[in-house]
């Protein structure tokens, strides 16, 4: 692989000579602009706007435009002579857990290969980073600018990697982009979303490929061979507003399971997970909610009837208690009268 930058890593007082190699490559489909009549290439020419003449590459230089619009020409020698400590040095500033790096800051990725005689300090830094689980935040000047960088180890590989980072002020704030209307997400909807995520499962990144590029290459080969290129069938129009979110989630889970070759009976059913239990398919959540409401009404009626029965029973017990009290009092009064009569009769006989 071609070396695009050479310098050294400054790790305290340790200097590690390195070569920077690009870790990625662009496989995007690219097209040429041509004249449709004779397929002649359409090119962009660099023309001076003052005299209208085309300018060759060796006549083109760099200039910095100041706030008042003035242009100051700068040569490559001027830029090379800038007093930057990072001109040929990856200067390590400190260390952070790799997980603390905001993915929005990641820019380009590179491999760092040891230069001649740098094997020992290179391995030392690699193993120190691996054992600590951290990455090194550094600065370097490359491709005409100073940039931040993250130096880290690669899992299961013995090479150091480097990601150039955007400066914090280069990341735009997200203010005003989130929904402003009040939205309520029900637990049943979150449960169904979790089910959809579990059904789709993990992604094997190594199996992913650019289907658009493959389709373009197939189309080009077909045209070169003079055969009719394959035409896919009409697809249903997608997008639009989601009217029933729960139904859309249920359909998504069902479709994902079918695409994986799972039958409807494998695992928990969609309606079991949605919480309705009775309303499968589109509109199932609505039916489940209606039935829950009916169940609630029935429970309320039962509760009312139970309370009424309890009141009647209590009233009966109270009446019975009063009646028993009255009877007991009557019996006591009768017994008292009888005793008095007997006592009076005894006194008369004695006299």
Protein backbone atom coordinates (compact mmCIF):
# COMPACT_ATOMS: atom_id res chain seq x y z
CA UNK A 1 0.00 0.00 0.00
CA UNK A 2 1.17 3.50 -0.81
CA UNK A 3 2.55 5.66 1.99
CA UNK A 4 0.80 9.04 2.06
CA UNK A 5 2.66 10.63 5.01
CA UNK A 6 5.81 9.96 6.96
CA UNK A 7 6.71 11.25 10.38
CA UNK A 8 6.83 10.03 13.94
CA UNK A 9 4.66 9.53 17.01
CA UNK A 10 5.68 11.63 19.99
CA UNK A 11 4.86 9.54 23.07
CA UNK A 12 6.38 11.58 25.88
CA UNK A 13 10.11 11.32 25.28
CA UNK A 14 9.62 8.24 23.11
CA UNK A 15 9.76 8.86 19.34
CA UNK A 16 8.27 6.24 17.02
CA UNK A 17 8.98 6.72 13.29
CA UNK A 18 5.90 5.73 11.29
CA UNK A 19 4.43 5.58 7.80
CA UNK A 20 0.76 6.49 7.33
CA UNK A 21 -1.23 4.29 4.95
CA UNK A 22 -4.87 4.82 4.02
CA UNK A 23 -7.09 2.20 5.70
CA UNK A 24 -10.07 2.74 3.39
CA UNK A 25 -10.79 3.06 -0.30
CA UNK A 26 -13.73 4.45 -2.22
CA UNK A 27 -15.65 1.99 -4.39
CA UNK A 28 -18.52 4.35 -5.20
CA UNK A 29 -19.86 4.29 -8.73
CA UNK A 30 -18.54 7.19 -10.80
CA UNK A 31 -19.63 8.38 -14.24
CA UNK A 32 -18.01 10.48 -16.97
CA UNK A 33 -19.78 13.34 -18.64
CA UNK A 34 -19.91 12.73 -22.40
CA UNK A 35 -21.37 14.26 -25.54
CA UNK A 36 -24.42 12.07 -26.25
CA UNK A 37 -23.90 12.34 -30.02
CA UNK A 38 -20.34 10.99 -30.32
CA UNK A 39 -19.42 10.09 -26.69
CA UNK A 40 -16.67 12.70 -26.58
CA UNK A 41 -15.53 13.46 -23.01
CA UNK A 42 -16.77 16.69 -21.47
CA UNK A 43 -14.02 18.23 -19.39
CA UNK A 44 -13.73 21.19 -17.08
CA UNK A 45 -10.95 23.56 -17.98
CA UNK A 46 -9.23 25.90 -15.55
CA UNK A 47 -9.52 29.37 -16.99
CA UNK A 48 -8.29 32.66 -15.53
CA UNK A 49 -11.29 34.91 -15.00
CA UNK A 50 -9.23 38.04 -15.82
CA UNK A 51 -7.79 37.18 -19.24
CA UNK A 52 -10.00 34.20 -20.14
CA UNK A 53 -7.00 31.99 -20.91
CA UNK A 54 -6.70 28.35 -19.90
CA UNK A 55 -4.05 27.86 -17.19
CA UNK A 56 -1.78 24.83 -16.76
CA UNK A 57 -1.18 23.17 -13.41
CA UNK A 58 2.30 24.64 -12.90
CA UNK A 59 0.82 28.15 -13.15
CA UNK A 60 -1.73 27.58 -10.40
CA UNK A 61 -0.84 28.51 -6.83
CA UNK A 62 -2.50 29.00 -3.45
CA UNK A 63 -3.76 32.26 -1.98
CA UNK A 64 -5.43 33.12 1.32
CA UNK A 65 -8.36 35.52 1.12
CA UNK A 66 -8.50 37.99 4.00
CA UNK A 67 -11.65 39.47 5.56
CA UNK A 68 -11.50 42.54 3.26
CA UNK A 69 -11.22 40.37 0.15
CA UNK A 70 -7.47 40.77 -0.41
CA UNK A 71 -5.53 37.75 -1.71
CA UNK A 72 -2.18 36.77 -0.25
CA UNK A 73 -0.24 34.15 -2.22
CA UNK A 74 1.40 31.35 -0.23
CA UNK A 75 3.87 28.87 -1.69
CA UNK A 76 4.37 25.27 -0.66
CA UNK A 77 7.71 26.32 0.85
CA UNK A 78 5.92 28.94 2.98
CA UNK A 79 3.53 26.34 4.34
CA UNK A 80 6.29 23.77 4.92
CA UNK A 81 8.28 26.29 6.94
CA UNK A 82 5.40 27.02 9.35
CA UNK A 83 6.59 26.67 13.00
CA UNK A 84 4.25 23.78 13.86
CA UNK A 85 5.43 21.09 16.29
CA UNK A 86 3.02 18.72 14.54
CA UNK A 87 4.41 19.27 11.04
CA UNK A 88 5.96 15.80 10.97
CA UNK A 89 4.85 14.55 14.35
CA UNK A 90 1.77 12.82 15.71
CA UNK A 91 1.90 14.59 19.07
CA UNK A 92 0.02 12.61 21.74
CA UNK A 93 -1.85 14.95 24.09
CA UNK A 94 -3.52 12.46 26.42
CA UNK A 95 -5.67 9.36 26.63
CA UNK A 96 -9.43 8.67 26.75
CA UNK A 97 -11.63 5.56 26.57
CA UNK A 98 -12.38 4.90 22.91
CA UNK A 99 -16.08 4.69 23.75
CA UNK A 100 -15.98 8.36 24.83
CA UNK A 101 -15.27 9.54 21.28
CA UNK A 102 -18.33 11.02 19.59
CA UNK A 103 -18.85 9.10 16.29
CA UNK A 104 -19.74 12.43 14.64
CA UNK A 105 -16.12 13.50 15.11
CA UNK A 106 -14.68 10.58 13.12
CA UNK A 107 -13.32 11.63 9.73
CA UNK A 108 -10.82 9.41 7.88
CA UNK A 109 -9.15 6.15 8.90
CA UNK A 110 -5.51 5.14 8.48
CA UNK A 111 -3.06 2.42 9.46
CA UNK A 112 0.19 3.39 11.18
CA UNK A 113 3.09 1.16 10.14
CA UNK A 114 6.45 1.25 11.93
CA UNK A 115 9.28 2.74 9.96
CA UNK A 116 12.79 1.26 9.95
CA UNK A 117 14.10 0.63 13.46
CA UNK A 118 10.83 1.52 15.22
CA UNK A 119 9.55 -1.99 16.04
CA UNK A 120 10.26 -1.90 19.81
CA UNK A 121 8.64 1.49 20.67
CA UNK A 122 5.82 0.75 18.23
CA UNK A 123 4.93 -2.51 20.00
CA UNK A 124 5.33 -0.80 23.39
CA UNK A 125 2.70 1.84 22.53
CA UNK A 126 0.41 -0.74 20.94
CA UNK A 127 0.43 -3.04 23.96
CA UNK A 128 0.08 -0.14 26.42
CA UNK A 129 -3.04 1.05 24.58
CA UNK A 130 -4.41 -2.47 24.35
CA UNK A 131 -3.93 -3.20 28.04
CA UNK A 132 -5.47 0.11 29.16
CA UNK A 133 -8.40 -0.13 26.73
CA UNK A 134 -7.86 3.52 25.85
CA UNK A 135 -7.03 5.55 22.78
CA UNK A 136 -4.51 8.37 22.42
CA UNK A 137 -5.74 11.84 21.42
CA UNK A 138 -3.13 13.51 19.23
CA UNK A 139 -2.54 16.40 16.84
CA UNK A 140 -0.75 16.34 13.51
CA UNK A 141 -0.38 18.48 10.41
CA UNK A 142 -1.23 16.55 7.23
CA UNK A 143 -2.57 17.53 3.80
CA UNK A 144 -2.31 21.23 4.41
CA UNK A 145 -3.99 21.46 7.80
CA UNK A 146 -3.54 20.58 11.43
CA UNK A 147 -6.03 18.05 12.67
CA UNK A 148 -6.99 16.06 15.73
CA UNK A 149 -6.52 12.31 15.65
CA UNK A 150 -7.33 9.19 17.66
CA UNK A 151 -4.60 6.53 17.78
CA UNK A 152 -5.88 3.13 18.86
CA UNK A 153 -5.33 -0.60 18.56
CA UNK A 154 -7.36 -2.83 16.28
CA UNK A 155 -8.99 -5.90 17.74
CA UNK A 156 -7.27 -9.17 16.75
CA UNK A 157 -4.68 -7.25 14.69
CA UNK A 158 -1.15 -6.15 15.55
CA UNK A 159 -1.29 -2.79 13.81
CA UNK A 160 -2.00 0.67 15.22
CA UNK A 161 -4.87 2.55 13.65
CA UNK A 162 -5.47 6.27 13.42
CA UNK A 163 -8.72 8.17 12.84
CA UNK A 164 -8.54 11.86 12.02
CA UNK A 165 -11.14 13.79 14.00
CA UNK A 166 -13.14 16.90 13.27
CA UNK A 167 -12.55 19.80 15.61
CA UNK A 168 -15.38 20.25 18.13
CA UNK A 169 -16.48 23.53 16.49
CA UNK A 170 -16.84 21.74 13.13
CA UNK A 171 -19.80 19.69 14.39
CA UNK A 172 -23.02 21.58 13.90
CA UNK A 173 -25.45 21.83 16.82
CA UNK A 174 -28.70 19.85 16.51
CA UNK A 175 -30.89 22.56 18.02
CA UNK A 176 -34.35 22.84 16.49
CA UNK A 177 -34.18 19.49 14.68
CA UNK A 178 -35.99 17.27 17.19
CA UNK A 179 -39.83 16.96 17.05
CA UNK A 180 -41.50 19.84 18.85
CA UNK A 181 -45.00 18.38 19.21
CA UNK A 182 -45.95 16.41 22.32
CA UNK A 183 -45.64 12.69 21.61
CA UNK A 184 -46.55 9.79 23.90
CA UNK A 185 -45.11 6.35 23.21
CA UNK A 186 -46.96 3.50 24.91
CA UNK A 187 -45.17 0.61 26.59
CA UNK A 188 -46.85 -1.82 24.17
CA UNK A 189 -45.34 0.06 21.23
CA UNK A 190 -41.88 -0.02 22.81
CA UNK A 191 -42.29 -3.75 23.49
CA UNK A 192 -43.19 -4.32 19.84
CA UNK A 193 -40.23 -2.22 18.69
CA UNK A 194 -37.97 -4.36 20.91
CA UNK A 195 -39.48 -7.47 19.34
CA UNK A 196 -38.77 -6.13 15.85
CA UNK A 197 -35.16 -5.39 16.81
CA UNK A 198 -34.74 -8.89 18.26
CA UNK A 199 -36.30 -10.44 15.14
CA UNK A 200 -34.00 -8.54 12.76
CA UNK A 201 -31.10 -9.63 14.96
CA UNK A 202 -27.42 -8.73 14.75
CA UNK A 203 -25.68 -7.69 11.53
CA UNK A 204 -22.61 -9.44 10.15
CA UNK A 205 -20.80 -6.41 8.73
CA UNK A 206 -18.49 -8.60 6.63
CA UNK A 207 -21.44 -9.82 4.56
CA UNK A 208 -22.66 -6.35 3.55
CA UNK A 209 -21.95 -5.07 0.03
CA UNK A 210 -22.90 -2.22 -2.30
CA UNK A 211 -25.91 -3.54 -4.22
CA UNK A 212 -26.16 -0.35 -6.29
CA UNK A 213 -22.60 -0.75 -7.62
CA UNK A 214 -23.26 -4.44 -8.42
CA UNK A 215 -26.46 -3.53 -10.27
CA UNK A 216 -24.65 -0.83 -12.32
CA UNK A 217 -21.88 -3.30 -13.24
CA UNK A 218 -24.50 -5.86 -14.33
CA UNK A 219 -26.23 -3.21 -16.44
CA UNK A 220 -22.93 -2.17 -18.07
CA UNK A 221 -21.98 -5.77 -18.88
CA UNK A 222 -25.41 -6.39 -20.41
CA UNK A 223 -25.07 -3.35 -22.65
CA UNK A 224 -21.54 -4.39 -23.71
CA UNK A 225 -22.83 -7.84 -24.65
CA UNK A 226 -25.82 -6.37 -26.47
CA UNK A 227 -28.42 -8.15 -24.39
CA UNK A 228 -31.49 -6.80 -22.65
CA UNK A 229 -30.59 -5.78 -19.09
CA UNK A 230 -32.68 -7.28 -16.30
CA UNK A 231 -35.68 -5.19 -15.26
CA UNK A 232 -37.00 -5.55 -11.72
CA UNK A 233 -40.75 -5.74 -11.20
CA UNK A 234 -42.79 -2.81 -10.01
CA UNK A 235 -42.43 -2.23 -6.29
CA UNK A 236 -45.17 -0.89 -4.10
CA UNK A 237 -44.77 2.77 -3.26
CA UNK A 238 -43.31 3.15 0.18
CA UNK A 239 -43.23 5.99 2.66
CA UNK A 240 -46.20 8.06 3.63
CA UNK A 241 -47.63 8.72 7.03
CA UNK A 242 -47.89 5.86 9.51
CA UNK A 243 -51.55 5.84 10.55
CA UNK A 244 -51.44 2.88 12.95
CA UNK A 245 -47.97 2.60 14.48
CA UNK A 246 -48.67 -0.63 16.36
CA UNK A 247 -50.08 -2.32 13.26
CA UNK A 248 -47.05 -1.22 11.24
CA UNK A 249 -44.73 -2.68 13.89
CA UNK A 250 -46.68 -5.93 13.97
CA UNK A 251 -46.52 -6.20 10.17
CA UNK A 252 -42.79 -5.46 10.27
CA UNK A 253 -42.17 -8.24 12.80
CA UNK A 254 -44.27 -10.67 10.76
CA UNK A 255 -42.44 -9.75 7.54
CA UNK A 256 -39.03 -10.07 9.20
CA UNK A 257 -39.89 -13.52 10.51
CA UNK A 258 -41.13 -14.65 7.11
CA UNK A 259 -37.96 -13.37 5.43
CA UNK A 260 -35.92 -15.48 7.89
CA UNK A 261 -37.97 -18.55 7.08
CA UNK A 262 -39.69 -18.68 10.46
CA UNK A 263 -43.23 -19.99 10.60
CA UNK A 264 -45.98 -18.10 12.36
CA UNK A 265 -45.96 -20.58 15.22
CA UNK A 266 -42.26 -20.25 16.05
CA UNK A 267 -41.57 -18.31 19.24
CA UNK A 268 -44.01 -15.85 20.74
CA UNK A 269 -46.76 -14.63 18.47
CA UNK A 270 -47.04 -11.02 17.46
CA UNK A 271 -50.29 -10.57 19.34
CA UNK A 272 -48.87 -12.10 22.51
CA UNK A 273 -46.06 -9.56 22.56
CA UNK A 274 -48.23 -6.60 21.60
CA UNK A 275 -50.17 -6.95 24.84
CA UNK A 276 -53.59 -7.27 23.17
CA UNK A 277 -53.73 -11.04 23.26
CA UNK A 278 -56.90 -11.08 21.15
CA UNK A 279 -56.42 -8.66 18.29
CA UNK A 280 -53.85 -10.07 15.86
CA UNK A 281 -52.84 -8.33 12.65
CA UNK A 282 -53.78 -4.83 11.55
CA UNK A 283 -56.15 -3.20 13.97
CA UNK A 284 -55.44 -5.84 16.62
CA UNK A 285 -54.21 -3.24 19.07
CA UNK A 286 -57.44 -1.27 18.70
CA UNK A 287 -59.59 -4.35 19.28
CA UNK A 288 -57.46 -5.33 22.25
CA UNK A 289 -57.88 -1.85 23.74
CA UNK A 290 -61.66 -1.99 23.19
CA UNK A 291 -61.88 -5.40 24.85
CA UNK A 292 -59.80 -4.17 27.75
CA UNK A 293 -62.26 -1.29 28.14
CA UNK A 294 -65.20 -3.75 28.12
CA UNK A 295 -63.40 -5.91 30.68
CA UNK A 296 -62.98 -2.82 32.81
CA UNK A 297 -66.69 -2.01 32.59
CA UNK A 298 -67.59 -5.60 33.51
CA UNK A 299 -65.25 -5.50 36.49
CA UNK A 300 -66.83 -2.23 37.62
CA UNK A 301 -70.33 -3.76 37.37
CA UNK A 302 -69.23 -6.80 39.40
CA UNK A 303 -67.70 -4.55 42.00
CA UNK A 304 -70.91 -2.50 42.26
CA UNK A 305 -73.06 -5.64 42.57
CA UNK A 306 -70.74 -7.02 45.23
CA UNK A 307 -70.97 -3.79 47.23
CA UNK A 308 -74.79 -3.81 46.94
CA UNK A 309 -74.97 -7.44 48.16
CA UNK A 310 -72.69 -6.62 51.06
CA UNK A 311 -74.90 -3.66 52.03
CA UNK A 312 -78.05 -5.82 51.93
CA UNK A 313 -76.39 -8.53 54.02
CA UNK A 314 -75.25 -5.96 56.56
CA UNK A 315 -78.79 -4.50 56.71
CA UNK A 316 -80.26 -7.97 57.29
CA UNK A 317 -77.78 -8.67 60.06
CA UNK A 318 -78.60 -5.34 61.70
CA UNK A 319 -82.36 -6.04 61.55
CA UNK A 320 -81.91 -9.53 62.96
CA UNK A 321 -79.75 -8.15 65.75
CA UNK A 322 -82.38 -5.54 66.67
CA UNK A 323 -85.15 -8.18 66.61
CA UNK A 324 -83.16 -10.49 68.84
CA UNK A 325 -82.46 -7.66 71.25
CA UNK A 326 -86.16 -6.79 71.41
CA UNK A 327 -87.12 -10.45 72.01
CA UNK A 328 -84.53 -10.78 74.75
CA UNK A 329 -85.74 -7.61 76.43
CA UNK A 330 -89.39 -8.89 76.22
CA UNK A 331 -88.43 -12.20 77.77
CA UNK A 332 -86.58 -10.49 80.59
CA UNK A 333 -89.58 -8.21 81.29
CA UNK A 334 -92.00 -11.17 81.31
CA UNK A 335 -89.75 -13.13 83.65
CA UNK A 336 -89.48 -10.12 85.96
CA UNK A 337 -93.28 -9.72 86.09
CA UNK A 338 -93.76 -13.45 86.85
CA UNK A 339 -91.24 -13.29 89.68
CA UNK A 340 -93.00 -10.26 91.18
CA UNK A 341 -96.40 -12.02 91.07
CA UNK A 342 -94.97 -15.11 92.80
CA UNK A 343 -93.40 -12.96 95.53
CA UNK A 344 -96.67 -11.14 96.19
CA UNK A 345 -98.62 -14.38 96.42
CA UNK A 346 -96.15 -15.78 98.92
CA UNK A 347 -96.46 -12.73 101.15
CA UNK A 348 -100.29 -12.97 101.17
CA UNK A 349 -100.23 -16.66 102.23
CA UNK A 350 -97.79 -15.90 104.99
CA UNK A 351 -100.02 -13.26 106.49
